[in-house]
Every structure is written in C-alpha cells, then in structure tokens.
C-alpha cells in the first residue's frame, strides 16, 4: 500500500501553498479533496489574509490535473462565481432592518 502524496507534491502546489493550507487546518490531500477547490481557498484566505487568487487556480489545478494557466484562462469566471456564492452562503440570509 502506497502512502498518499503530500499536498506540496501535487501539481501546481509547493511548500508555500502547503504552509498556507496547513495554517487553515488543511494538511492532507484527502482533506483538500473533501473540501474542494472553493471551500479550501476560502478557508485558507480566512486564515491567511492577503492570499492571492493564484492559489485558487493552483488548487483547481491540483485537484483536476489541468495546468494552472489553463484553469485561470478557462475556469476563472466559474470559480469566481462559485467563490462568491460560497461567501454569500457563509454569511447567511440577509437580516431585515428593524424599524
């Protein structure tokens, strides 16, 4: 039985990305796969403010096997919309103003 690869060994990710993910509590490939690209990016962004969108493209690349440049070019809009929806869902329903 072979060991699961380390996050830093995945396509488009390296030690710096693995460190950012670890600060967000994502330390295994299985955790990354379970969360998915958008949720993993959102969690990492919350733990490390200033994380760039390049990490979003790299995470999608790591999970799909596509080159990050292709992800950024072809899947940019869908990933950004998914991130926006994720962020809105995390906020909860809008609060009504009290008179």
C-alpha atoms as a PDB file:
ATOM      1  CA  UNK A   1       0.000   0.000   0.000  1.00  0.00           C
ATOM      2  CA  UNK A   2       1.489   3.365  -1.002  1.00  0.00           C
ATOM      3  CA  UNK A   3       1.224   6.494   1.089  1.00  0.00           C
ATOM      4  CA  UNK A   4      -0.936   9.366  -0.045  1.00  0.00           C
ATOM      5  CA  UNK A   5       1.060  12.169  -1.676  1.00  0.00           C
ATOM      6  CA  UNK A   6       1.844  15.254   0.337  1.00  0.00           C
ATOM      7  CA  UNK A   7      -0.021  18.435  -0.579  1.00  0.00           C
ATOM      8  CA  UNK A   8       3.262  20.054  -1.640  1.00  0.00           C
ATOM      9  CA  UNK A   9       3.747  17.223  -4.157  1.00  0.00           C
ATOM     10  CA  UNK A  10       0.508  17.939  -6.018  1.00  0.00           C
ATOM     11  CA  UNK A  11       0.600  19.643  -9.409  1.00  0.00           C
ATOM     12  CA  UNK A  12       0.839  23.451  -9.113  1.00  0.00           C
ATOM     13  CA  UNK A  13       1.288  23.394  -5.324  1.00  0.00           C
ATOM     14  CA  UNK A  14       4.509  23.598  -3.381  1.00  0.00           C
ATOM     15  CA  UNK A  15       5.815  24.149   0.126  1.00  0.00           C
ATOM     16  CA  UNK A  16       4.498  27.727   0.391  1.00  0.00           C
ATOM     17  CA  UNK A  17       0.990  26.659  -0.663  1.00  0.00           C
ATOM     18  CA  UNK A  18       1.147  23.676   1.690  1.00  0.00           C
ATOM     19  CA  UNK A  19       2.110  26.009   4.560  1.00  0.00           C
ATOM     20  CA  UNK A  20      -0.828  28.335   3.831  1.00  0.00           C
ATOM     21  CA  UNK A  21      -3.214  25.377   3.657  1.00  0.00           C
ATOM     22  CA  UNK A  22      -1.812  23.985   6.915  1.00  0.00           C
ATOM     23  CA  UNK A  23      -2.490  27.306   8.665  1.00  0.00           C
ATOM     24  CA  UNK A  24      -6.100  26.791   7.578  1.00  0.00           C
ATOM     25  CA  UNK A  25      -6.135  23.266   9.019  1.00  0.00           C
ATOM     26  CA  UNK A  26      -5.821  21.511   5.658  1.00  0.00           C
ATOM     27  CA  UNK A  27      -2.914  19.108   5.987  1.00  0.00           C
ATOM     28  CA  UNK A  28      -3.808  16.105   3.828  1.00  0.00           C
ATOM     29  CA  UNK A  29      -4.742  15.541   0.224  1.00  0.00           C
ATOM     30  CA  UNK A  30      -7.898  13.777   1.429  1.00  0.00           C
ATOM     31  CA  UNK A  31      -8.975  16.913   3.343  1.00  0.00           C
ATOM     32  CA  UNK A  32      -8.308  19.028   0.263  1.00  0.00           C
ATOM     33  CA  UNK A  33     -10.324  16.672  -1.934  1.00  0.00           C
ATOM     34  CA  UNK A  34     -13.193  16.563   0.551  1.00  0.00           C
ATOM     35  CA  UNK A  35     -13.382  20.358   0.826  1.00  0.00           C
ATOM     36  CA  UNK A  36     -12.911  21.047  -2.860  1.00  0.00           C
ATOM     37  CA  UNK A  37     -11.221  23.996  -4.503  1.00  0.00           C
ATOM     38  CA  UNK A  38     -13.509  26.835  -3.457  1.00  0.00           C
ATOM     39  CA  UNK A  39     -14.022  25.869   0.197  1.00  0.00           C
ATOM     40  CA  UNK A  40     -10.301  25.147   0.642  1.00  0.00           C
ATOM     41  CA  UNK A  41      -9.401  28.521  -0.872  1.00  0.00           C
ATOM     42  CA  UNK A  42     -11.969  30.358   1.279  1.00  0.00           C
ATOM     43  CA  UNK A  43     -10.703  28.670   4.441  1.00  0.00           C
ATOM     44  CA  UNK A  44      -7.098  29.469   3.530  1.00  0.00           C
ATOM     45  CA  UNK A  45      -7.945  33.086   2.723  1.00  0.00           C
ATOM     46  CA  UNK A  46      -9.621  33.431   6.123  1.00  0.00           C
ATOM     47  CA  UNK A  47      -6.561  32.013   7.895  1.00  0.00           C
ATOM     48  CA  UNK A  48      -4.023  33.966   5.832  1.00  0.00           C
ATOM     49  CA  UNK A  49      -5.373  37.340   4.667  1.00  0.00           C
ATOM     50  CA  UNK A  50      -3.686  38.517   1.511  1.00  0.00           C
ATOM     51  CA  UNK A  51      -3.767  35.118  -0.204  1.00  0.00           C
ATOM     52  CA  UNK A  52      -3.977  35.793  -3.936  1.00  0.00           C
ATOM     53  CA  UNK A  53      -6.306  34.271  -6.493  1.00  0.00           C
ATOM     54  CA  UNK A  54      -3.295  32.392  -7.855  1.00  0.00           C
ATOM     55  CA  UNK A  55      -3.878  29.913  -5.022  1.00  0.00           C
ATOM     56  CA  UNK A  56      -7.440  29.362  -6.264  1.00  0.00           C
ATOM     57  CA  UNK A  57      -6.133  28.494  -9.724  1.00  0.00           C
ATOM     58  CA  UNK A  58      -3.396  26.289  -8.228  1.00  0.00           C
ATOM     59  CA  UNK A  59      -5.863  24.385  -6.033  1.00  0.00           C
ATOM     60  CA  UNK A  60      -8.131  23.701  -9.006  1.00  0.00           C
ATOM     61  CA  UNK A  61      -5.086  22.600 -10.982  1.00  0.00           C
ATOM     62  CA  UNK A  62      -4.011  20.258  -8.189  1.00  0.00           C
ATOM     63  CA  UNK A  63      -7.454  18.673  -7.953  1.00  0.00           C
ATOM     64  CA  UNK A  64      -8.145  18.389 -11.689  1.00  0.00           C
ATOM     65  CA  UNK A  65      -4.684  17.866 -13.153  1.00  0.00           C
ATOM     66  CA  UNK A  66      -5.120  20.795 -15.548  1.00  0.00           C
ATOM     67  CA  UNK A  67      -2.274  23.308 -15.859  1.00  0.00           C
ATOM     68  CA  UNK A  68      -2.960  26.320 -13.611  1.00  0.00           C
ATOM     69  CA  UNK A  69      -2.657  28.656 -16.601  1.00  0.00           C
ATOM     70  CA  UNK A  70      -5.492  26.798 -18.324  1.00  0.00           C
ATOM     71  CA  UNK A  71      -7.557  26.896 -15.132  1.00  0.00           C
ATOM     72  CA  UNK A  72      -7.026  30.658 -14.874  1.00  0.00           C
ATOM     73  CA  UNK A  73      -7.968  31.154 -18.510  1.00  0.00           C
ATOM     74  CA  UNK A  74     -10.866  28.712 -18.938  1.00  0.00           C
ATOM     75  CA  UNK A  75     -12.371  28.353 -15.474  1.00  0.00           C
ATOM     76  CA  UNK A  76     -11.754  31.794 -13.983  1.00  0.00           C
ATOM     77  CA  UNK A  77     -15.347  33.018 -14.208  1.00  0.00           C
ATOM     78  CA  UNK A  78     -16.942  29.823 -12.896  1.00  0.00           C
ATOM     79  CA  UNK A  79     -14.500  29.648  -9.972  1.00  0.00           C
ATOM     80  CA  UNK A  80     -15.027  33.301  -9.067  1.00  0.00           C
ATOM     81  CA  UNK A  81     -18.816  32.867  -9.204  1.00  0.00           C
ATOM     82  CA  UNK A  82     -18.564  29.731  -7.051  1.00  0.00           C
ATOM     83  CA  UNK A  83     -16.384  31.625  -4.563  1.00  0.00           C
ATOM     84  CA  UNK A  84     -18.868  34.488  -4.443  1.00  0.00           C
ATOM     85  CA  UNK A  85     -21.728  32.033  -3.841  1.00  0.00           C
ATOM     86  CA  UNK A  86     -19.699  30.275  -1.144  1.00  0.00           C
ATOM     87  CA  UNK A  87     -19.004  33.578   0.596  1.00  0.00           C
ATOM     88  CA  UNK A  88     -22.675  34.589   0.422  1.00  0.00           C
ATOM     89  CA  UNK A  89     -23.783  31.228   1.835  1.00  0.00           C
ATOM     90  CA  UNK A  90     -21.339  31.609   4.733  1.00  0.00           C
ATOM     91  CA  UNK A  91     -22.869  34.987   5.632  1.00  0.00           C
ATOM     92  CA  UNK A  92     -26.336  33.533   5.990  1.00  0.00           C
ATOM     93  CA  UNK A  93     -29.615  35.144   4.974  1.00  0.00           C
ATOM     94  CA  UNK A  94     -29.794  38.932   4.884  1.00  0.00           C
ATOM     95  CA  UNK A  95     -31.007  40.498   8.094  1.00  0.00           C
ATOM     96  CA  UNK A  96     -34.124  42.615   7.933  1.00  0.00           C
ATOM     97  CA  UNK A  97     -33.814  46.116   9.314  1.00  0.00           C
ATOM     98  CA  UNK A  98     -35.730  46.788  12.482  1.00  0.00           C
ATOM     99  CA  UNK A  99     -37.945  49.920  12.482  1.00  0.00           C
END
